[in-house]
Amino acid sequence: MAERYPPGKGPKCGNCPDCGGLIYIDWRCTILAEYHCSKCGRVYTNYNGVKPKVYREEVKELVDALFNEIGEKVVDGQLFIKLVDQLCLKAFKNHVPVISKKDLHKWGYKLEYGMLSKR
């Protein structure tokens, strides 16, 4: 027997690969399911929820470009990482992988007392 949900009330299962809106399940049974995007209205019958992988080299280029664009010598580390994550989500359709202090040090940055600067 198929489970049906009111529009927009089904379980969330990911983001639309086209517009970034939320994907909800319309109905499902043991074999099939139908999904729809809340933003663009596109209907999927085989949504698998796989997101593209983001590599550290891409994140390094994004961090360098963003730090140069800001133009400050020292920035708040936590806000900077949140901004990098938002830009990564827009550019690569996935969140940034974990950036450790060791990665930042390897890329030429120094994180001390919550403030990020270039070495």
PDB file of N, CA and C in Angstrom:
ATOM      1  N   MET A   1       0.849  -1.179   0.000  1.00  0.00           N
ATOM      2  CA  MET A   1       0.000   0.000   0.000  1.00  0.00           C
ATOM      3  C   MET A   1       0.893   1.240   0.000  1.00  0.00           C
ATOM      4  N   ALA A   2       0.542   2.208  -0.805  1.00  0.00           N
ATOM      5  CA  ALA A   2       1.358   3.418  -0.951  1.00  0.00           C
ATOM      6  C   ALA A   2       1.036   4.428   0.144  1.00  0.00           C
ATOM      7  N   GLU A   3       2.083   5.102   0.610  1.00  0.00           N
ATOM      8  CA  GLU A   3       1.906   6.193   1.567  1.00  0.00           C
ATOM      9  C   GLU A   3       1.781   7.491   0.782  1.00  0.00           C
ATOM     10  N   ARG A   4       0.747   8.278   1.056  1.00  0.00           N
ATOM     11  CA  ARG A   4       0.568   9.573   0.404  1.00  0.00           C
ATOM     12  C   ARG A   4       0.722  10.666   1.449  1.00  0.00           C
ATOM     13  N   TYR A   5       1.249  11.811   1.017  1.00  0.00           N
ATOM     14  CA  TYR A   5       1.455  12.939   1.908  1.00  0.00           C
ATOM     15  C   TYR A   5       0.806  14.179   1.314  1.00  0.00           C
ATOM     16  N   PRO A   6       0.312  15.085   2.145  1.00  0.00           N
ATOM     17  CA  PRO A   6      -0.190  16.359   1.619  1.00  0.00           C
ATOM     18  C   PRO A   6       0.954  17.127   0.951  1.00  0.00           C
ATOM     19  N   PRO A   7       0.647  18.008   0.004  1.00  0.00           N
ATOM     20  CA  PRO A   7       1.711  18.751  -0.688  1.00  0.00           C
ATOM     21  C   PRO A   7       2.595  19.528   0.282  1.00  0.00           C
ATOM     22  N   GLY A   8       3.902  19.296   0.182  1.00  0.00           N
ATOM     23  CA  GLY A   8       4.869  19.979   1.025  1.00  0.00           C
ATOM     24  C   GLY A   8       4.972  19.451   2.441  1.00  0.00           C
ATOM     25  N   LYS A   9       4.237  18.392   2.778  1.00  0.00           N
ATOM     26  CA  LYS A   9       4.242  17.856   4.140  1.00  0.00           C
ATOM     27  C   LYS A   9       4.939  16.508   4.254  1.00  0.00           C
ATOM     28  N   GLY A  10       5.388  15.962   3.131  1.00  0.00           N
ATOM     29  CA  GLY A  10       6.089  14.687   3.171  1.00  0.00           C
ATOM     30  C   GLY A  10       7.485  14.851   3.728  1.00  0.00           C
ATOM     31  N   PRO A  11       8.177  13.743   3.953  1.00  0.00           N
ATOM     32  CA  PRO A  11       9.542  13.827   4.464  1.00  0.00           C
ATOM     33  C   PRO A  11      10.468  14.546   3.488  1.00  0.00           C
ATOM     34  N   LYS A  12      11.368  15.370   4.024  1.00  0.00           N
ATOM     35  CA  LYS A  12      12.366  16.032   3.196  1.00  0.00           C
ATOM     36  C   LYS A  12      13.455  15.020   2.883  1.00  0.00           C
ATOM     37  N   CYS A  13      13.937  15.049   1.658  1.00  0.00           N
ATOM     38  CA  CYS A  13      14.966  14.068   1.323  1.00  0.00           C
ATOM     39  C   CYS A  13      16.133  14.661   0.547  1.00  0.00           C
ATOM     40  N   GLY A  14      16.264  15.975   0.498  1.00  0.00           N
ATOM     41  CA  GLY A  14      17.422  16.549  -0.171  1.00  0.00           C
ATOM     42  C   GLY A  14      17.114  17.865  -0.844  1.00  0.00           C
ATOM     43  N   ASN A  15      18.053  18.293  -1.701  1.00  0.00           N
ATOM     44  CA  ASN A  15      17.897  19.534  -2.440  1.00  0.00           C
ATOM     45  C   ASN A  15      17.809  19.250  -3.933  1.00  0.00           C
ATOM     46  N   CYS A  16      17.064  20.096  -4.634  1.00  0.00           N
ATOM     47  CA  CYS A  16      16.899  19.976  -6.074  1.00  0.00           C
ATOM     48  C   CYS A  16      18.235  20.271  -6.756  1.00  0.00           C
ATOM     49  N   PRO A  17      18.666  19.413  -7.684  1.00  0.00           N
ATOM     50  CA  PRO A  17      19.929  19.679  -8.367  1.00  0.00           C
ATOM     51  C   PRO A  17      19.854  20.872  -9.317  1.00  0.00           C
ATOM     52  N   ASP A  18      18.647  21.272  -9.719  1.00  0.00           N
ATOM     53  CA  ASP A  18      18.504  22.382 -10.655  1.00  0.00           C
ATOM     54  C   ASP A  18      18.435  23.738  -9.964  1.00  0.00           C
ATOM     55  N   CYS A  19      17.555  23.872  -8.968  1.00  0.00           N
ATOM     56  CA  CYS A  19      17.325  25.189  -8.361  1.00  0.00           C
ATOM     57  C   CYS A  19      17.749  25.276  -6.902  1.00  0.00           C
ATOM     58  N   GLY A  20      18.048  24.146  -6.254  1.00  0.00           N
ATOM     59  CA  GLY A  20      18.468  24.160  -4.857  1.00  0.00           C
ATOM     60  C   GLY A  20      17.321  24.116  -3.860  1.00  0.00           C
ATOM     61  N   GLY A  21      16.063  24.047  -4.338  1.00  0.00           N
ATOM     62  CA  GLY A  21      14.912  23.960  -3.444  1.00  0.00           C
ATOM     63  C   GLY A  21      14.850  22.613  -2.735  1.00  0.00           C
ATOM     64  N   LEU A  22      13.977  22.518  -1.737  1.00  0.00           N
ATOM     65  CA  LEU A  22      13.850  21.263  -0.986  1.00  0.00           C
ATOM     66  C   LEU A  22      13.073  20.229  -1.781  1.00  0.00           C
ATOM     67  N   ILE A  23      13.504  18.984  -1.713  1.00  0.00           N
ATOM     68  CA  ILE A  23      12.821  17.856  -2.349  1.00  0.00           C
ATOM     69  C   ILE A  23      12.005  17.144  -1.277  1.00  0.00           C
ATOM     70  N   TYR A  24      10.701  16.977  -1.549  1.00  0.00           N
ATOM     71  CA  TYR A  24       9.800  16.258  -0.651  1.00  0.00           C
ATOM     72  C   TYR A  24       9.287  15.001  -1.338  1.00  0.00           C
ATOM     73  N   ILE A  25       8.940  14.005  -0.534  1.00  0.00           N
ATOM     74  CA  ILE A  25       8.327  12.794  -1.072  1.00  0.00           C
ATOM     75  C   ILE A  25       6.825  13.030  -1.182  1.00  0.00           C
ATOM     76  N   ASP A  26       6.261  12.803  -2.387  1.00  0.00           N
ATOM     77  CA  ASP A  26       4.810  12.893  -2.582  1.00  0.00           C
ATOM     78  C   ASP A  26       4.132  11.606  -2.120  1.00  0.00           C
ATOM     79  N   TRP A  27       4.631  10.506  -2.612  1.00  0.00           N
ATOM     80  CA  TRP A  27       4.113   9.206  -2.204  1.00  0.00           C
ATOM     81  C   TRP A  27       5.210   8.179  -2.404  1.00  0.00           C
ATOM     82  N   ARG A  28       5.080   7.063  -1.695  1.00  0.00           N
ATOM     83  CA  ARG A  28       6.032   5.975  -1.864  1.00  0.00           C
ATOM     84  C   ARG A  28       5.402   4.660  -1.467  1.00  0.00           C
ATOM     85  N   CYS A  29       5.898   3.617  -2.094  1.00  0.00           N
ATOM     86  CA  CYS A  29       5.552   2.259  -1.694  1.00  0.00           C
ATOM     87  C   CYS A  29       6.866   1.506  -1.567  1.00  0.00           C
ATOM     88  N   THR A  30       6.828   0.217  -1.478  1.00  0.00           N
ATOM     89  CA  THR A  30       8.066  -0.525  -1.267  1.00  0.00           C
ATOM     90  C   THR A  30       8.959  -0.533  -2.502  1.00  0.00           C
ATOM     91  N   ILE A  31       8.407  -0.279  -3.690  1.00  0.00           N
ATOM     92  CA  ILE A  31       9.183  -0.346  -4.927  1.00  0.00           C
ATOM     93  C   ILE A  31       9.461   1.037  -5.515  1.00  0.00           C
ATOM     94  N   LEU A  32       8.464   1.881  -5.552  1.00  0.00           N
ATOM     95  CA  LEU A  32       8.577   3.182  -6.208  1.00  0.00           C
ATOM     96  C   LEU A  32       8.339   4.334  -5.248  1.00  0.00           C
ATOM     97  N   ALA A  33       8.757   5.506  -5.683  1.00  0.00           N
ATOM     98  CA  ALA A  33       8.479   6.732  -4.943  1.00  0.00           C
ATOM     99  C   ALA A  33       8.433   7.883  -5.938  1.00  0.00           C
ATOM    100  N   GLU A  34       7.713   8.940  -5.573  1.00  0.00           N
ATOM    101  CA  GLU A  34       7.672  10.135  -6.405  1.00  0.00           C
ATOM    102  C   GLU A  34       8.025  11.328  -5.535  1.00  0.00           C
ATOM    103  N   TYR A  35       8.922  12.162  -6.030  1.00  0.00           N
ATOM    104  CA  TYR A  35       9.423  13.305  -5.292  1.00  0.00           C
ATOM    105  C   TYR A  35       9.081  14.579  -6.062  1.00  0.00           C
ATOM    106  N   HIS A  36       8.990  15.702  -5.365  1.00  0.00           N
ATOM    107  CA  HIS A  36       8.811  16.985  -6.050  1.00  0.00           C
ATOM    108  C   HIS A  36       9.615  18.072  -5.350  1.00  0.00           C
ATOM    109  N   CYS A  37       9.992  19.080  -6.141  1.00  0.00           N
ATOM    110  CA  CYS A  37      10.746  20.205  -5.613  1.00  0.00           C
ATOM    111  C   CYS A  37       9.760  21.280  -5.173  1.00  0.00           C
ATOM    112  N   SER A  38       9.989  21.837  -3.980  1.00  0.00           N
ATOM    113  CA  SER A  38       9.079  22.851  -3.456  1.00  0.00           C
ATOM    114  C   SER A  38       9.296  24.212  -4.119  1.00  0.00           C
ATOM    115  N   LYS A  39      10.455  24.405  -4.754  1.00  0.00           N
ATOM    116  CA  LYS A  39      10.769  25.703  -5.349  1.00  0.00           C
ATOM    117  C   LYS A  39      10.381  25.775  -6.831  1.00  0.00           C
ATOM    118  N   CYS A  40      10.861  24.822  -7.641  1.00  0.00           N
ATOM    119  CA  CYS A  40      10.581  24.884  -9.084  1.00  0.00           C
ATOM    120  C   CYS A  40       9.442  23.961  -9.508  1.00  0.00           C
ATOM    121  N   GLY A  41       9.015  23.042  -8.641  1.00  0.00           N
ATOM    122  CA  GLY A  41       7.884  22.173  -8.943  1.00  0.00           C
ATOM    123  C   GLY A  41       8.232  20.947  -9.767  1.00  0.00           C
ATOM    124  N   ARG A  42       9.489  20.734 -10.080  1.00  0.00           N
ATOM    125  CA  ARG A  42       9.879  19.588 -10.881  1.00  0.00           C
ATOM    126  C   ARG A  42       9.576  18.290 -10.134  1.00  0.00           C
ATOM    127  N   VAL A  43       9.116  17.288 -10.862  1.00  0.00           N
ATOM    128  CA  VAL A  43       8.765  15.995 -10.277  1.00  0.00           C
ATOM    129  C   VAL A  43       9.839  14.978 -10.651  1.00  0.00           C
ATOM    130  N   TYR A  44      10.295  14.243  -9.670  1.00  0.00           N
ATOM    131  CA  TYR A  44      11.313  13.211  -9.881  1.00  0.00           C
ATOM    132  C   TYR A  44      10.708  11.853  -9.548  1.00  0.00           C
ATOM    133  N   THR A  45      11.085  10.863 -10.332  1.00  0.00           N
ATOM    134  CA  THR A  45      10.664   9.498 -10.002  1.00  0.00           C
ATOM    135  C   THR A  45      11.853   8.649  -9.588  1.00  0.00           C
ATOM    136  N   ASN A  46      13.067   9.149  -9.826  1.00  0.00           N
ATOM    137  CA  ASN A  46      14.252   8.362  -9.473  1.00  0.00           C
ATOM    138  C   ASN A  46      15.295   9.222  -8.778  1.00  0.00           C
ATOM    139  N   TYR A  47      14.854  10.081  -7.881  1.00  0.00           N
ATOM    140  CA  TYR A  47      15.796  10.938  -7.155  1.00  0.00           C
ATOM    141  C   TYR A  47      16.591  10.087  -6.184  1.00  0.00           C
ATOM    142  N   ASN A  48      17.926  10.143  -6.300  1.00  0.00           N
ATOM    143  CA  ASN A  48      18.737   9.308  -5.414  1.00  0.00           C
ATOM    144  C   ASN A  48      19.472  10.120  -4.360  1.00  0.00           C
ATOM    145  N   GLY A  49      19.392  11.416  -4.424  1.00  0.00           N
ATOM    146  CA  GLY A  49      19.950  12.256  -3.377  1.00  0.00           C
ATOM    147  C   GLY A  49      21.463  12.312  -3.320  1.00  0.00           C
ATOM    148  N   VAL A  50      22.147  11.890  -4.379  1.00  0.00           N
ATOM    149  CA  VAL A  50      23.591  11.911  -4.383  1.00  0.00           C
ATOM    150  C   VAL A  50      24.060  13.322  -4.721  1.00  0.00           C
ATOM    151  N   LYS A  51      24.949  13.867  -3.887  1.00  0.00           N
ATOM    152  CA  LYS A  51      25.475  15.201  -4.126  1.00  0.00           C
ATOM    153  C   LYS A  51      26.893  15.078  -4.671  1.00  0.00           C
ATOM    154  N   PRO A  52      27.291  16.033  -5.506  1.00  0.00           N
ATOM    155  CA  PRO A  52      28.656  15.963  -6.031  1.00  0.00           C
ATOM    156  C   PRO A  52      29.690  16.160  -4.919  1.00  0.00           C
ATOM    157  N   LYS A  53      30.816  15.501  -5.057  1.00  0.00           N
ATOM    158  CA  LYS A  53      31.867  15.583  -4.048  1.00  0.00           C
ATOM    159  C   LYS A  53      32.646  16.883  -4.231  1.00  0.00           C
ATOM    160  N   VAL A  54      32.977  17.519  -3.136  1.00  0.00           N
ATOM    161  CA  VAL A  54      33.780  18.739  -3.158  1.00  0.00           C
ATOM    162  C   VAL A  54      35.180  18.372  -2.685  1.00  0.00           C
ATOM    163  N   TYR A  55      36.169  18.700  -3.506  1.00  0.00           N
ATOM    164  CA  TYR A  55      37.554  18.355  -3.186  1.00  0.00           C
ATOM    165  C   TYR A  55      38.254  19.517  -2.500  1.00  0.00           C
ATOM    166  N   ARG A  56      39.248  19.192  -1.704  1.00  0.00           N
ATOM    167  CA  ARG A  56      39.969  20.211  -0.935  1.00  0.00           C
ATOM    168  C   ARG A  56      40.686  21.219  -1.832  1.00  0.00           C
ATOM    169  N   GLU A  57      41.131  20.805  -3.016  1.00  0.00           N
ATOM    170  CA  GLU A  57      41.809  21.731  -3.921  1.00  0.00           C
ATOM    171  C   GLU A  57      40.845  22.832  -4.369  1.00  0.00           C
ATOM    172  N   GLU A  58      39.599  22.453  -4.631  1.00  0.00           N
ATOM    173  CA  GLU A  58      38.581  23.441  -5.015  1.00  0.00           C
ATOM    174  C   GLU A  58      38.303  24.399  -3.861  1.00  0.00           C
ATOM    175  N   VAL A  59      38.258  23.856  -2.644  1.00  0.00           N
ATOM    176  CA  VAL A  59      38.000  24.689  -1.467  1.00  0.00           C
ATOM    177  C   VAL A  59      39.172  25.632  -1.231  1.00  0.00           C
ATOM    178  N   LYS A  60      40.396  25.166  -1.458  1.00  0.00           N
ATOM    179  CA  LYS A  60      41.579  26.024  -1.283  1.00  0.00           C
ATOM    180  C   LYS A  60      41.503  27.223  -2.230  1.00  0.00           C
ATOM    181  N   GLU A  61      41.143  26.976  -3.489  1.00  0.00           N
ATOM    182  CA  GLU A  61      41.018  28.072  -4.453  1.00  0.00           C
ATOM    183  C   GLU A  61      39.925  29.049  -4.018  1.00  0.00           C
ATOM    184  N   LEU A  62      38.832  28.524  -3.497  1.00  0.00           N
ATOM    185  CA  LEU A  62      37.734  29.367  -3.028  1.00  0.00           C
ATOM    186  C   LEU A  62      38.155  30.196  -1.809  1.00  0.00           C
ATOM    187  N   VAL A  63      38.888  29.583  -0.892  1.00  0.00           N
ATOM    188  CA  VAL A  63      39.369  30.290   0.298  1.00  0.00           C
ATOM    189  C   VAL A  63      40.320  31.416  -0.111  1.00  0.00           C
ATOM    190  N   ASP A  64      41.251  31.114  -1.031  1.00  0.00           N
ATOM    191  CA  ASP A  64      42.194  32.139  -1.488  1.00  0.00           C
ATOM    192  C   ASP A  64      41.476  33.298  -2.161  1.00  0.00           C
ATOM    193  N   ALA A  65      40.548  32.989  -3.057  1.00  0.00           N
ATOM    194  CA  ALA A  65      39.823  34.036  -3.777  1.00  0.00           C
ATOM    195  C   ALA A  65      38.996  34.889  -2.814  1.00  0.00           C
ATOM    196  N   LEU A  66      38.335  34.257  -1.859  1.00  0.00           N
ATOM    197  CA  LEU A  66      37.498  34.987  -0.916  1.00  0.00           C
ATOM    198  C   LEU A  66      38.337  35.866   0.012  1.00  0.00           C
ATOM    199  N   PHE A  67      39.468  35.342   0.482  1.00  0.00           N
ATOM    200  CA  PHE A  67      40.320  36.130   1.371  1.00  0.00           C
ATOM    201  C   PHE A  67      40.873  37.353   0.643  1.00  0.00           C
ATOM    202  N   ASN A  68      41.267  37.172  -0.620  1.00  0.00           N
ATOM    203  CA  ASN A  68      41.754  38.310  -1.410  1.00  0.00           C
ATOM    204  C   ASN A  68      40.636  39.308  -1.695  1.00  0.00           C
ATOM    205  N   GLU A  69      39.412  38.816  -1.908  1.00  0.00           N
ATOM    206  CA  GLU A  69      38.271  39.694  -2.190  1.00  0.00           C
ATOM    207  C   GLU A  69      37.905  40.544  -0.968  1.00  0.00           C
ATOM    208  N   ILE A  70      38.002  39.954   0.216  1.00  0.00           N
ATOM    209  CA  ILE A  70      37.672  40.696   1.434  1.00  0.00           C
ATOM    210  C   ILE A  70      38.667  41.842   1.632  1.00  0.00           C
ATOM    211  N   GLY A  71      39.933  41.595   1.395  1.00  0.00           N
ATOM    212  CA  GLY A  71      40.931  42.647   1.445  1.00  0.00           C
ATOM    213  C   GLY A  71      41.403  43.043   2.836  1.00  0.00           C
ATOM    214  N   GLU A  72      40.992  42.343   3.857  1.00  0.00           N
ATOM    215  CA  GLU A  72      41.445  42.619   5.232  1.00  0.00           C
ATOM    216  C   GLU A  72      42.640  41.722   5.555  1.00  0.00           C
ATOM    217  N   LYS A  73      43.472  42.171   6.486  1.00  0.00           N
ATOM    218  CA  LYS A  73      44.619  41.360   6.891  1.00  0.00           C
ATOM    219  C   LYS A  73      44.211  40.265   7.866  1.00  0.00           C
ATOM    220  N   VAL A  74      43.195  40.547   8.684  1.00  0.00           N
ATOM    221  CA  VAL A  74      42.722  39.592   9.691  1.00  0.00           C
ATOM    222  C   VAL A  74      41.197  39.563   9.641  1.00  0.00           C
ATOM    223  N   VAL A  75      40.617  38.360   9.618  1.00  0.00           N
ATOM    224  CA  VAL A  75      39.156  38.209   9.610  1.00  0.00           C
ATOM    225  C   VAL A  75      38.751  37.227  10.698  1.00  0.00           C
ATOM    226  N   ASP A  76      37.488  37.279  11.093  1.00  0.00           N
ATOM    227  CA  ASP A  76      36.951  36.337  12.067  1.00  0.00           C
ATOM    228  C   ASP A  76      36.896  34.950  11.421  1.00  0.00           C
ATOM    229  N   GLY A  77      37.539  33.979  12.042  1.00  0.00           N
ATOM    230  CA  GLY A  77      37.654  32.650  11.455  1.00  0.00           C
ATOM    231  C   GLY A  77      36.335  31.936  11.264  1.00  0.00           C
ATOM    232  N   GLN A  78      35.468  31.990  12.274  1.00  0.00           N
ATOM    233  CA  GLN A  78      34.203  31.264  12.204  1.00  0.00           C
ATOM    234  C   GLN A  78      33.290  31.851  11.126  1.00  0.00           C
ATOM    235  N   LEU A  79      33.205  33.168  11.054  1.00  0.00           N
ATOM    236  CA  LEU A  79      32.375  33.792  10.022  1.00  0.00           C
ATOM    237  C   LEU A  79      32.933  33.526   8.631  1.00  0.00           C
ATOM    238  N   PHE A  80      34.250  33.516   8.517  1.00  0.00           N
ATOM    239  CA  PHE A  80      34.886  33.250   7.227  1.00  0.00           C
ATOM    240  C   PHE A  80      34.557  31.844   6.749  1.00  0.00           C
ATOM    241  N   ILE A  81      34.652  30.850   7.644  1.00  0.00           N
ATOM    242  CA  ILE A  81      34.352  29.463   7.274  1.00  0.00           C
ATOM    243  C   ILE A  81      32.878  29.319   6.898  1.00  0.00           C
ATOM    244  N   LYS A  82      31.968  30.021   7.609  1.00  0.00           N
ATOM    245  CA  LYS A  82      30.546  29.975   7.254  1.00  0.00           C
ATOM    246  C   LYS A  82      30.321  30.555   5.867  1.00  0.00           C
ATOM    247  N   LEU A  83      31.012  31.641   5.546  1.00  0.00           N
ATOM    248  CA  LEU A  83      30.892  32.248   4.226  1.00  0.00           C
ATOM    249  C   LEU A  83      31.454  31.329   3.149  1.00  0.00           C
ATOM    250  N   VAL A  84      32.565  30.676   3.430  1.00  0.00           N
ATOM    251  CA  VAL A  84      33.133  29.705   2.489  1.00  0.00           C
ATOM    252  C   VAL A  84      32.137  28.570   2.252  1.00  0.00           C
ATOM    253  N   ASP A  85      31.478  28.107   3.312  1.00  0.00           N
ATOM    254  CA  ASP A  85      30.496  27.034   3.175  1.00  0.00           C
ATOM    255  C   ASP A  85      29.319  27.467   2.307  1.00  0.00           C
ATOM    256  N   GLN A  86      28.827  28.690   2.491  1.00  0.00           N
ATOM    257  CA  GLN A  86      27.712  29.190   1.675  1.00  0.00           C
ATOM    258  C   GLN A  86      28.115  29.303   0.209  1.00  0.00           C
ATOM    259  N   LEU A  87      29.310  29.817  -0.050  1.00  0.00           N
ATOM    260  CA  LEU A  87      29.780  29.935  -1.428  1.00  0.00           C
ATOM    261  C   LEU A  87      30.015  28.568  -2.054  1.00  0.00           C
ATOM    262  N   CYS A  88      30.497  27.630  -1.258  1.00  0.00           N
ATOM    263  CA  CYS A  88      30.720  26.266  -1.743  1.00  0.00           C
ATOM    264  C   CYS A  88      29.389  25.606  -2.105  1.00  0.00           C
ATOM    265  N   LEU A  89      28.365  25.864  -1.301  1.00  0.00           N
ATOM    266  CA  LEU A  89      27.040  25.307  -1.580  1.00  0.00           C
ATOM    267  C   LEU A  89      26.486  25.872  -2.882  1.00  0.00           C
ATOM    268  N   LYS A  90      26.697  27.166  -3.125  1.00  0.00           N
ATOM    269  CA  LYS A  90      26.236  27.771  -4.382  1.00  0.00           C
ATOM    270  C   LYS A  90      27.044  27.281  -5.573  1.00  0.00           C
ATOM    271  N   ALA A  91      28.356  27.245  -5.429  1.00  0.00           N
ATOM    272  CA  ALA A  91      29.219  26.916  -6.562  1.00  0.00           C
ATOM    273  C   ALA A  91      29.242  25.420  -6.887  1.00  0.00           C
ATOM    274  N   PHE A  92      29.316  24.574  -5.867  1.00  0.00           N
ATOM    275  CA  PHE A  92      29.503  23.143  -6.085  1.00  0.00           C
ATOM    276  C   PHE A  92      28.305  22.296  -5.694  1.00  0.00           C
ATOM    277  N   LYS A  93      27.223  22.919  -5.223  1.00  0.00           N
ATOM    278  CA  LYS A  93      25.978  22.229  -4.846  1.00  0.00           C
ATOM    279  C   LYS A  93      26.181  21.234  -3.701  1.00  0.00           C
ATOM    280  N   ASN A  94      27.152  21.533  -2.825  1.00  0.00           N
ATOM    281  CA  ASN A  94      27.373  20.697  -1.658  1.00  0.00           C
ATOM    282  C   ASN A  94      28.133  21.519  -0.621  1.00  0.00           C
ATOM    283  N   HIS A  95      28.061  21.087   0.624  1.00  0.00           N
ATOM    284  CA  HIS A  95      28.747  21.801   1.693  1.00  0.00           C
ATOM    285  C   HIS A  95      30.240  21.537   1.628  1.00  0.00           C
ATOM    286  N   VAL A  96      30.974  22.436   2.236  1.00  0.00           N
ATOM    287  CA  VAL A  96      32.421  22.323   2.285  1.00  0.00           C
ATOM    288  C   VAL A  96      32.807  21.149   3.185  1.00  0.00           C
ATOM    289  N   PRO A  97      33.849  20.382   2.789  1.00  0.00           N
ATOM    290  CA  PRO A  97      34.312  19.350   3.713  1.00  0.00           C
ATOM    291  C   PRO A  97      34.951  20.015   4.928  1.00  0.00           C
ATOM    292  N   VAL A  98      35.241  19.245   5.929  1.00  0.00           N
ATOM    293  CA  VAL A  98      35.829  19.799   7.145  1.00  0.00           C
ATOM    294  C   VAL A  98      37.184  20.417   6.818  1.00  0.00           C
ATOM    295  N   ILE A  99      37.350  21.681   7.213  1.00  0.00           N
ATOM    296  CA  ILE A  99      38.636  22.351   7.040  1.00  0.00           C
ATOM    297  C   ILE A  99      39.293  22.409   8.408  1.00  0.00           C
ATOM    298  N   SER A 100      40.400  21.730   8.538  1.00  0.00           N
ATOM    299  CA  SER A 100      41.086  21.708   9.828  1.00  0.00           C
ATOM    300  C   SER A 100      42.094  22.851   9.910  1.00  0.00           C
ATOM    301  N   LYS A 101      42.572  23.086  11.107  1.00  0.00           N
ATOM    302  CA  LYS A 101      43.593  24.106  11.328  1.00  0.00           C
ATOM    303  C   LYS A 101      44.873  23.728  10.576  1.00  0.00           C
ATOM    304  N   LYS A 102      45.126  22.431  10.484  1.00  0.00           N
ATOM    305  CA  LYS A 102      46.294  21.924   9.758  1.00  0.00           C
ATOM    306  C   LYS A 102      46.178  22.255   8.264  1.00  0.00           C
ATOM    307  N   ASP A 103      44.967  22.104   7.693  1.00  0.00           N
ATOM    308  CA  ASP A 103      44.752  22.452   6.289  1.00  0.00           C
ATOM    309  C   ASP A 103      45.009  23.933   6.056  1.00  0.00           C
ATOM    310  N   LEU A 104      44.478  24.767   6.935  1.00  0.00           N
ATOM    311  CA  LEU A 104      44.674  26.208   6.795  1.00  0.00           C
ATOM    312  C   LEU A 104      46.158  26.557   6.898  1.00  0.00           C
ATOM    313  N   HIS A 105      46.862  25.894   7.799  1.00  0.00           N
ATOM    314  CA  HIS A 105      48.300  26.148   7.952  1.00  0.00           C
ATOM    315  C   HIS A 105      49.045  25.738   6.677  1.00  0.00           C
ATOM    316  N   LYS A 106      48.652  24.593   6.105  1.00  0.00           N
ATOM    317  CA  LYS A 106      49.276  24.103   4.883  1.00  0.00           C
ATOM    318  C   LYS A 106      49.027  25.065   3.706  1.00  0.00           C
ATOM    319  N   TRP A 107      47.854  25.715   3.705  1.00  0.00           N
ATOM    320  CA  TRP A 107      47.485  26.632   2.616  1.00  0.00           C
ATOM    321  C   TRP A 107      48.053  28.037   2.811  1.00  0.00           C
ATOM    322  N   GLY A 108      48.768  28.263   3.917  1.00  0.00           N
ATOM    323  CA  GLY A 108      49.391  29.559   4.132  1.00  0.00           C
ATOM    324  C   GLY A 108      48.596  30.509   5.006  1.00  0.00           C
ATOM    325  N   TYR A 109      47.722  29.975   5.850  1.00  0.00           N
ATOM    326  CA  TYR A 109      46.916  30.807   6.743  1.00  0.00           C
ATOM    327  C   TYR A 109      47.241  30.475   8.190  1.00  0.00           C
ATOM    328  N   LYS A 110      46.966  31.419   9.070  1.00  0.00           N
ATOM    329  CA  LYS A 110      47.213  31.218  10.499  1.00  0.00           C
ATOM    330  C   LYS A 110      45.906  31.503  11.249  1.00  0.00           C
ATOM    331  N   LEU A 111      45.497  30.565  12.073  1.00  0.00           N
ATOM    332  CA  LEU A 111      44.283  30.716  12.868  1.00  0.00           C
ATOM    333  C   LEU A 111      44.684  30.779  14.338  1.00  0.00           C
ATOM    334  N   GLU A 112      44.558  31.967  14.928  1.00  0.00           N
ATOM    335  CA  GLU A 112      44.891  32.151  16.333  1.00  0.00           C
ATOM    336  C   GLU A 112      43.785  32.916  17.018  1.00  0.00           C
ATOM    337  N   TYR A 113      43.328  32.405  18.154  1.00  0.00           N
ATOM    338  CA  TYR A 113      42.312  33.064  18.969  1.00  0.00           C
ATOM    339  C   TYR A 113      41.056  33.371  18.162  1.00  0.00           C
ATOM    340  N   GLY A 114      40.715  32.494  17.209  1.00  0.00           N
ATOM    341  CA  GLY A 114      39.505  32.666  16.422  1.00  0.00           C
ATOM    342  C   GLY A 114      39.633  33.632  15.256  1.00  0.00           C
ATOM    343  N   MET A 115      40.825  34.190  15.041  1.00  0.00           N
ATOM    344  CA  MET A 115      41.047  35.140  13.949  1.00  0.00           C
ATOM    345  C   MET A 115      41.939  34.484  12.895  1.00  0.00           C
ATOM    346  N   LEU A 116      41.580  34.670  11.631  1.00  0.00           N
ATOM    347  CA  LEU A 116      42.287  34.061  10.517  1.00  0.00           C
ATOM    348  C   LEU A 116      43.088  35.133   9.786  1.00  0.00           C
ATOM    349  N   SER A 117      44.357  34.823   9.505  1.00  0.00           N
ATOM    350  CA  SER A 117      45.201  35.765   8.763  1.00  0.00           C
ATOM    351  C   SER A 117      46.136  34.970   7.859  1.00  0.00           C
ATOM    352  N   LYS A 118      46.712  35.661   6.860  1.00  0.00           N
ATOM    353  CA  LYS A 118      47.711  35.024   6.012  1.00  0.00           C
ATOM    354  C   LYS A 118      49.053  35.077   6.711  1.00  0.00           C
ATOM    355  N   ARG A 119      49.844  34.043   6.519  1.00  0.00           N
ATOM    356  CA  ARG A 119      51.187  34.020   7.116  1.00  0.00           C
ATOM    357  C   ARG A 119      52.140  34.778   6.236  1.00  0.00           C
TER     358      ARG A 119
END
